[in-house]
Protein backbone atom coordinates (compact mmCIF):
# COMPACT_ATOMS: atom_id res chain seq x y z
CA MET A 1 0.00 0.00 0.00
CA SER A 2 1.36 3.45 -0.93
CA LEU A 3 1.96 5.97 1.81
CA ARG A 4 -0.34 8.94 2.31
CA THR A 5 1.43 12.27 1.84
CA PRO A 6 0.82 15.59 3.61
CA PRO A 7 0.04 18.63 1.43
CA LEU A 8 3.46 20.10 2.26
CA ARG A 9 5.45 17.03 1.24
CA ASP A 10 7.19 18.75 -1.72
CA VAL A 11 7.89 21.86 0.40
CA HIS A 12 9.60 19.69 3.00
CA ASP A 13 11.57 17.85 0.32
CA ALA A 14 12.83 21.15 -1.12
CA ALA A 15 13.93 22.15 2.40
CA GLY A 16 16.10 19.04 2.62
CA ALA A 17 13.95 16.99 4.97
CA THR A 18 14.39 13.27 5.38
CA PHE A 19 11.20 11.24 5.60
CA THR A 20 9.78 8.29 7.48
CA ASP A 21 6.64 6.15 7.45
CA PHE A 22 4.57 7.15 10.45
CA GLY A 23 1.07 5.71 10.75
CA GLY A 24 0.95 5.12 6.99
CA TRP A 25 2.01 8.71 6.20
CA GLU A 26 5.24 9.86 4.57
CA MET A 27 6.27 12.53 7.08
CA PRO A 28 9.42 14.63 7.62
CA VAL A 29 11.50 13.13 10.42
CA GLU A 30 14.36 15.65 10.35
CA PHE A 31 15.21 18.93 8.57
CA ASP A 32 18.57 19.92 10.08
CA SER A 33 19.24 17.78 13.13
CA ILE A 34 17.00 16.44 15.88
CA ARG A 35 19.07 18.19 18.53
CA GLU A 36 19.00 21.54 16.69
CA GLU A 37 15.25 21.34 16.14
CA HIS A 38 14.61 20.19 19.71
CA THR A 39 16.68 23.06 21.16
CA ALA A 40 14.90 25.61 18.98
CA VAL A 41 11.55 24.58 20.50
CA ARG A 42 12.87 24.67 24.08
CA GLU A 43 14.61 28.05 23.67
CA ASP A 44 12.88 29.87 20.80
CA ALA A 45 10.21 28.38 18.50
CA GLY A 46 9.69 25.64 15.96
CA VAL A 47 6.98 24.77 13.44
CA PHE A 48 5.77 21.21 12.82
CA ASP A 49 3.66 19.80 10.00
CA VAL A 50 1.18 17.55 11.83
CA SER A 51 -1.22 17.00 8.94
CA HIS A 52 -0.97 13.26 9.49
CA MET A 53 -3.22 13.63 12.54
CA GLY A 54 -6.85 12.58 11.96
CA GLN A 55 -9.64 15.14 11.64
CA ILE A 56 -13.17 13.85 12.30
CA GLU A 57 -16.17 16.21 12.38
CA VAL A 58 -19.33 15.23 14.26
CA SER A 59 -22.43 17.41 13.89
CA GLY A 60 -26.20 17.25 14.11
CA PRO A 61 -28.79 17.19 16.94
CA ASP A 62 -27.24 14.17 18.69
CA ALA A 63 -23.57 15.05 18.13
CA GLU A 64 -22.92 15.76 21.81
CA GLN A 65 -24.53 12.48 22.87
CA LEU A 66 -22.46 10.51 20.35
CA MET A 67 -19.22 12.16 21.48
CA GLN A 68 -20.15 11.65 25.14
CA ARG A 69 -20.74 7.93 24.67
CA LEU A 70 -17.53 7.27 22.71
CA THR A 71 -15.02 9.31 24.71
CA THR A 72 -14.27 9.16 28.43
CA ASN A 73 -14.11 12.86 29.31
CA ASP A 74 -17.24 14.96 29.90
CA VAL A 75 -18.11 16.50 26.54
CA SER A 76 -21.17 18.23 28.04
CA ALA A 77 -18.82 20.42 30.09
CA LEU A 78 -17.42 22.01 26.92
CA ASP A 79 -18.71 25.32 25.61
CA PRO A 80 -18.16 26.47 22.02
CA GLY A 81 -14.49 27.44 21.79
CA ASP A 82 -13.38 24.90 24.41
CA ALA A 83 -11.31 21.79 23.84
CA HIS A 84 -10.12 18.98 26.07
CA TYR A 85 -7.89 15.92 26.08
CA SER A 86 -9.74 12.60 26.23
CA SER A 87 -9.47 8.84 25.85
CA ILE A 88 -11.20 6.38 23.53
CA VAL A 89 -11.47 2.90 25.07
CA THR A 90 -12.80 -0.56 24.29
CA ALA A 91 -15.72 -2.11 26.17
CA GLU A 92 -13.03 -3.74 28.36
CA GLY A 93 -11.58 -0.32 29.21
CA SER A 94 -8.35 -0.60 27.17
CA LEU A 95 -7.09 2.49 25.35
CA LEU A 96 -7.80 2.49 21.63
CA ASP A 97 -6.50 6.02 21.23
CA ASP A 98 -6.07 9.37 22.93
CA THR A 99 -7.49 12.47 21.33
CA VAL A 100 -8.31 16.18 21.60
CA VAL A 101 -12.00 17.10 21.27
CA TYR A 102 -12.87 20.61 20.07
CA ASP A 103 -16.31 22.14 20.58
CA ARG A 104 -16.07 24.29 17.46
CA PRO A 105 -16.40 28.02 18.15
CA ASP A 106 -17.78 28.94 14.73
CA ARG A 107 -20.33 26.24 13.96
CA ASP A 108 -22.38 23.52 15.61
CA GLY A 109 -20.74 20.26 16.46
CA PHE A 110 -17.34 18.89 17.29
CA LEU A 111 -13.98 18.14 15.75
CA PHE A 112 -11.82 15.44 17.28
CA VAL A 113 -8.26 14.50 16.38
CA PRO A 114 -7.31 10.80 16.46
CA ASN A 115 -3.69 9.81 16.03
CA ALA A 116 -2.04 9.19 12.67
CA GLY A 117 -3.50 6.24 10.81
CA HIS A 118 -6.50 5.94 13.16
CA ASP A 119 -8.89 8.26 11.29
CA GLU A 120 -10.62 5.57 9.23
CA GLN A 121 -10.95 3.25 12.25
CA MET A 122 -12.48 6.04 14.37
CA ALA A 123 -14.82 7.27 11.63
CA ASP A 124 -16.07 3.69 11.21
CA ARG A 125 -16.46 3.30 15.00
CA TRP A 126 -18.43 6.54 15.31
CA THR A 127 -20.64 5.68 12.34
CA ALA A 128 -21.36 2.12 13.51
CA HIS A 129 -22.31 3.21 17.05
CA ARG A 130 -24.40 6.10 15.73
CA ASP A 131 -26.38 3.62 13.64
CA ASP A 132 -26.67 1.05 16.46
CA TRP A 133 -27.95 3.70 18.87
CA GLY A 134 -30.22 5.37 16.29
CA LEU A 135 -28.68 8.82 16.84
CA ASP A 136 -29.14 11.79 14.52
CA ALA A 137 -25.54 12.84 13.86
CA THR A 138 -23.28 13.30 10.86
CA VAL A 139 -19.76 11.85 10.98
CA GLU A 140 -17.29 13.14 8.39
CA ASN A 141 -13.65 12.08 8.04
CA ARG A 142 -11.95 15.34 6.97
CA THR A 143 -8.37 14.15 7.39
CA THR A 144 -7.43 14.64 3.74
CA ALA A 145 -9.32 17.96 3.48
CA TYR A 146 -7.53 19.71 6.35
CA GLY A 147 -3.92 20.53 7.08
CA MET A 148 -2.50 21.12 10.54
CA VAL A 149 0.64 22.79 11.86
CA ALA A 150 1.91 23.23 15.42
CA VAL A 151 3.99 26.27 16.43
CA GLN A 152 5.69 25.55 19.72
CA GLY A 153 8.21 27.20 22.03
CA PRO A 154 8.56 30.22 24.34
CA ASN A 155 8.45 32.63 21.38
CA ALA A 156 5.61 30.79 19.59
CA PRO A 157 2.82 33.00 21.04
CA ASP A 158 4.39 36.16 19.60
CA LEU A 159 4.94 34.48 16.22
CA VAL A 160 1.32 33.32 16.00
CA ALA A 161 0.01 36.67 17.27
CA ASP A 162 2.02 38.56 14.63
CA ALA A 163 0.60 36.36 11.85
CA SER A 164 -3.00 36.41 13.13
CA ALA A 165 -5.83 38.85 12.61
CA GLY A 166 -7.40 37.87 15.96
CA ALA A 167 -6.37 38.16 19.62
CA VAL A 168 -4.82 34.70 20.06
CA LEU A 169 -2.68 35.72 23.04
CA ASP A 170 -5.87 35.91 25.12
CA LEU A 171 -6.55 32.19 24.61
CA SER A 172 -6.11 29.92 27.63
CA MET A 173 -4.78 26.37 27.33
CA PHE A 174 -7.20 24.22 25.32
CA GLU A 175 -9.20 27.27 24.23
CA THR A 176 -9.83 27.76 20.51
CA THR A 177 -10.90 30.51 18.16
CA ARG A 178 -11.50 30.96 14.46
CA THR A 179 -9.32 33.69 12.97
CA GLU A 180 -7.23 34.45 9.90
CA VAL A 181 -3.55 33.59 9.85
CA ALA A 182 -1.67 35.12 6.90
CA GLY A 183 -5.11 35.75 5.41
CA VAL A 184 -6.20 32.10 5.75
CA SER A 185 -9.16 31.09 7.92
CA CYS A 186 -7.79 28.81 10.68
CA LEU A 187 -9.09 27.06 13.77
CA VAL A 188 -6.44 28.13 16.31
CA SER A 189 -6.03 26.26 19.58
CA ARG A 190 -3.59 26.94 22.40
CA SER A 191 -2.32 23.39 22.72
CA GLY A 192 0.56 21.16 21.72
CA TYR A 193 2.61 18.06 22.30
CA THR A 194 6.04 19.35 23.30
CA GLY A 195 5.68 20.56 26.88
CA GLU A 196 6.04 24.17 25.68
CA ASP A 197 3.54 26.96 25.17
CA GLY A 198 2.23 27.15 21.63
CA PHE A 199 -0.61 26.75 19.19
CA GLU A 200 -2.06 24.24 16.77
CA LEU A 201 -3.75 25.49 13.60
CA VAL A 202 -6.21 23.65 11.35
CA TYR A 203 -7.01 24.98 7.85
CA ASP A 204 -8.14 23.89 4.41
CA ASN A 205 -5.40 21.93 2.64
CA GLU A 206 -5.23 24.29 -0.33
CA HIS A 207 -3.74 26.96 1.97
CA ALA A 208 -1.12 24.74 3.56
CA GLU A 209 1.92 26.47 2.06
CA THR A 210 0.65 29.96 2.96
CA VAL A 211 0.18 29.01 6.61
CA TRP A 212 3.50 27.12 6.80
CA ASN A 213 5.40 30.10 5.34
CA ALA A 214 3.77 32.50 7.82
CA PHE A 215 6.16 31.36 10.56
CA ASP A 216 9.81 32.33 10.33
CA CYS A 217 11.22 29.78 12.73
CA GLN A 218 12.94 26.38 12.78
CA PRO A 219 11.08 23.69 10.80
CA CYS A 220 10.93 20.53 12.89
CA GLY A 221 10.33 16.88 12.08
CA LEU A 222 8.91 13.92 13.95
CA GLY A 223 12.33 13.09 15.43
CA ALA A 224 12.38 16.27 17.53
CA ARG A 225 8.68 15.89 18.27
CA ASP A 226 9.43 12.49 19.82
CA THR A 227 12.28 13.68 22.05
CA LEU A 228 10.26 16.72 23.12
CA ARG A 229 7.18 14.68 24.05
CA MET A 230 9.29 12.15 25.97
CA GLU A 231 10.85 14.91 28.08
CA ALA A 232 7.30 16.13 28.76
CA GLY A 233 6.19 12.59 29.70
CA LEU A 234 3.46 12.46 27.04
CA LEU A 235 2.09 9.20 25.64
CA LEU A 236 2.64 8.08 22.06
CA SER A 237 -0.29 6.04 20.74
CA GLY A 238 0.78 2.69 19.31
CA GLN A 239 4.05 2.72 21.25
CA ASP A 240 3.25 3.57 24.89
CA PHE A 241 -0.11 1.81 24.58
CA ASN A 242 -1.58 -0.47 21.94
CA ALA A 243 -5.00 -2.08 22.20
CA GLU A 244 -3.67 -5.33 20.69
CA SER A 245 -0.02 -5.72 21.73
CA ASN A 246 0.06 -3.67 24.95
CA PRO A 247 -3.50 -3.00 26.19
CA ARG A 248 -3.59 -0.42 29.00
CA THR A 249 -6.36 1.38 30.83
CA PRO A 250 -6.19 5.17 31.26
CA TYR A 251 -5.41 4.52 34.95
CA GLU A 252 -2.33 2.49 34.07
CA ALA A 253 -1.26 5.06 31.47
CA GLY A 254 -1.44 7.93 33.97
CA ILE A 255 -4.35 9.70 32.30
CA GLY A 256 -7.12 8.50 34.63
CA TRP A 257 -8.10 12.15 35.04
CA THR A 258 -9.64 11.98 31.54
CA VAL A 259 -12.17 9.40 32.79
CA LYS A 260 -15.43 10.85 34.11
CA LEU A 261 -17.30 7.93 35.66
CA ASP A 262 -20.40 10.06 36.23
CA THR A 263 -20.98 10.01 32.46
CA GLU A 264 -22.08 7.08 30.30
CA PHE A 265 -19.60 5.82 27.69
CA VAL A 266 -18.38 2.58 26.12
CA GLY A 267 -16.02 0.97 28.64
CA ARG A 268 -17.35 2.89 31.66
CA ASP A 269 -18.28 -0.17 33.76
CA ALA A 270 -14.93 -1.84 33.11
CA LEU A 271 -13.08 1.33 34.11
CA GLU A 272 -15.14 1.67 37.26
CA ARG A 273 -14.05 -1.84 38.26
CA ALA A 274 -10.44 -1.06 37.32
CA LYS A 275 -10.46 2.03 39.51
CA GLU A 276 -11.93 0.14 42.46
CA GLU A 277 -9.45 -2.75 42.13
CA GLY A 278 -6.42 -0.52 41.49
CA VAL A 279 -3.63 -1.17 38.99
CA GLU A 280 -0.60 -3.45 39.22
CA GLU A 281 1.58 -1.35 36.91
CA LYS A 282 1.70 2.36 36.21
CA PHE A 283 3.33 4.61 33.59
CA ARG A 284 6.62 5.89 35.00
CA GLY A 285 9.75 7.69 33.93
CA VAL A 286 13.26 6.29 34.30
CA VAL A 287 16.60 8.13 34.34
CA LEU A 288 19.74 6.06 33.79
CA ARG A 289 22.63 6.68 36.19
CA GLU A 290 25.12 4.83 34.00
CA ARG A 291 26.14 5.08 30.33
CA GLY A 292 23.62 3.74 27.84
CA VAL A 293 20.43 4.73 26.07
CA PRO A 294 17.13 3.15 27.15
CA ARG A 295 14.87 1.92 24.36
CA HIS A 296 11.44 0.42 23.76
CA GLY A 297 11.22 -3.16 25.06
CA TYR A 298 14.03 -2.97 27.61
CA ASP A 299 13.29 -4.60 30.98
CA VAL A 300 13.12 -2.52 34.17
CA THR A 301 14.40 -4.40 37.23
CA ASP A 302 14.45 -3.89 41.00
CA GLY A 303 18.23 -3.43 40.85
CA ASP A 304 18.83 -7.06 41.83
CA GLY A 305 17.79 -8.64 38.57
CA ARG A 306 14.08 -9.14 39.19
CA VAL A 307 11.98 -7.75 36.36
CA ILE A 308 9.42 -5.20 37.58
CA GLY A 309 8.39 -3.60 34.31
CA GLU A 310 9.25 -2.73 30.71
CA LEU A 311 10.10 0.46 28.83
CA THR A 312 7.90 1.61 25.96
CA SER A 313 9.99 4.66 24.91
CA GLY A 314 13.53 5.91 25.48
CA THR A 315 16.09 8.43 24.28
CA MET A 316 19.05 10.59 25.23
CA SER A 317 17.34 13.78 26.43
CA PRO A 318 18.73 16.74 24.44
CA THR A 319 17.64 19.23 27.14
CA LEU A 320 18.82 17.32 30.22
CA ASP A 321 21.69 15.48 28.53
CA GLU A 322 20.60 12.36 30.40
CA PRO A 323 19.28 9.00 29.18
CA ILE A 324 15.54 8.88 29.91
CA GLY A 325 12.82 6.31 29.38
CA LEU A 326 9.08 5.80 29.80
CA GLY A 327 7.26 2.58 30.53
CA TYR A 328 5.12 0.51 32.86
CA VAL A 329 6.49 -0.45 36.28
CA SER A 330 5.02 -2.32 39.25
CA THR A 331 3.14 -0.06 41.65
CA ASP A 332 5.25 -1.60 44.44
CA PHE A 333 7.87 0.93 43.33
CA GLU A 334 7.58 4.71 43.51
CA PRO A 335 9.32 7.73 41.95
CA GLY A 336 12.69 8.18 43.63
CA ASP A 337 13.33 4.43 44.03
CA ARG A 338 16.57 2.99 42.68
CA VAL A 339 15.94 0.46 39.93
CA GLY A 340 17.77 -1.06 36.94
CA VAL A 341 17.36 -1.09 33.16
CA VAL A 342 18.72 -4.08 31.21
CA ILE A 343 20.67 -2.91 28.15
CA ARG A 344 22.18 -5.67 26.01
CA GLY A 345 22.26 -8.02 28.97
CA ASP A 346 23.76 -5.54 31.44
CA GLU A 347 21.69 -4.21 34.33
CA LYS A 348 22.32 -0.45 34.42
CA LYS A 349 21.61 1.66 37.51
CA ALA A 350 18.56 3.89 37.16
CA GLU A 351 16.04 5.93 39.13
CA LEU A 352 12.27 5.97 38.84
CA ARG A 353 10.72 9.36 38.13
CA THR A 354 7.35 10.85 37.45
CA PRO A 355 6.83 10.76 33.68
CA ARG A 356 7.46 14.50 33.20
CA PHE A 357 11.22 15.08 33.35
CA LEU A 358 11.18 18.87 32.90
CA ASP A 359 10.91 21.33 35.79
């Protein structure tokens, strides 16, 4: 099967980007160097093409009810212009995906953003449940109609404000507005996936190059996005949880706060039981105290060889200059405890941390 390409693919190629297959999309992984791009976002600003993220619109009289019953957070608490982070789970309570749900400020209904390669699965899921429940709602997969960029970093707010016709600096986290950016109508949200302040912009694909060129800052690929999100302790769908190969509840994954048990949704009863019973493993951070780089699949031990968990992500942190990892570890162990990470057969000294490594 051929890869899907973002509207800016040729622009990225002309800029010297290297590409990778991510969720079935041919996406830029690196423009200059991962470290250079990562540092730009921590100290200045960077712009990311994130058009591989899904875009599903849900509208109609029963749109809110459909969203409420298929996501775990309380959609009824959103007002137009609000957004929130949420989970999508199976009937058994395992994470299928994490997502951001926007209550659109300029029209009725919602937009939610599944992860790359999940748009068709989620559109089918929404449509099938709508039909089963007899709800009056329209579900449209707009992933190939919309582009999306993220501008992130301490100077990102000024960059976006300078390019915008509206007052975007007044937006709070997870607040959205519709305004023009470089003359293009955009849905602008104060949100991101790097641990920095910044904005995400959604627009019609035909204007992708105009919006991209509106920001005079470091172009960044998925390589820097991955190191930035690991430092911020943020989950990567398909790697830090996978409904088939590594099923995890939101409580195990450290996002139990997205579960509102006073609402009705698919998987609610299973998650209520999971909360009552507690979890045996929880998403944790690990910092190595010896040379080595932790990676996905490496065992975490109690320091005396007994396996107590497994890493799902790992890297050499460009900001901290320390080897860091994320994964699931027995709840018998807490942040601050001395543990081990097995790298090529050697048990390296490490320390458990909360998932967010940044101050």
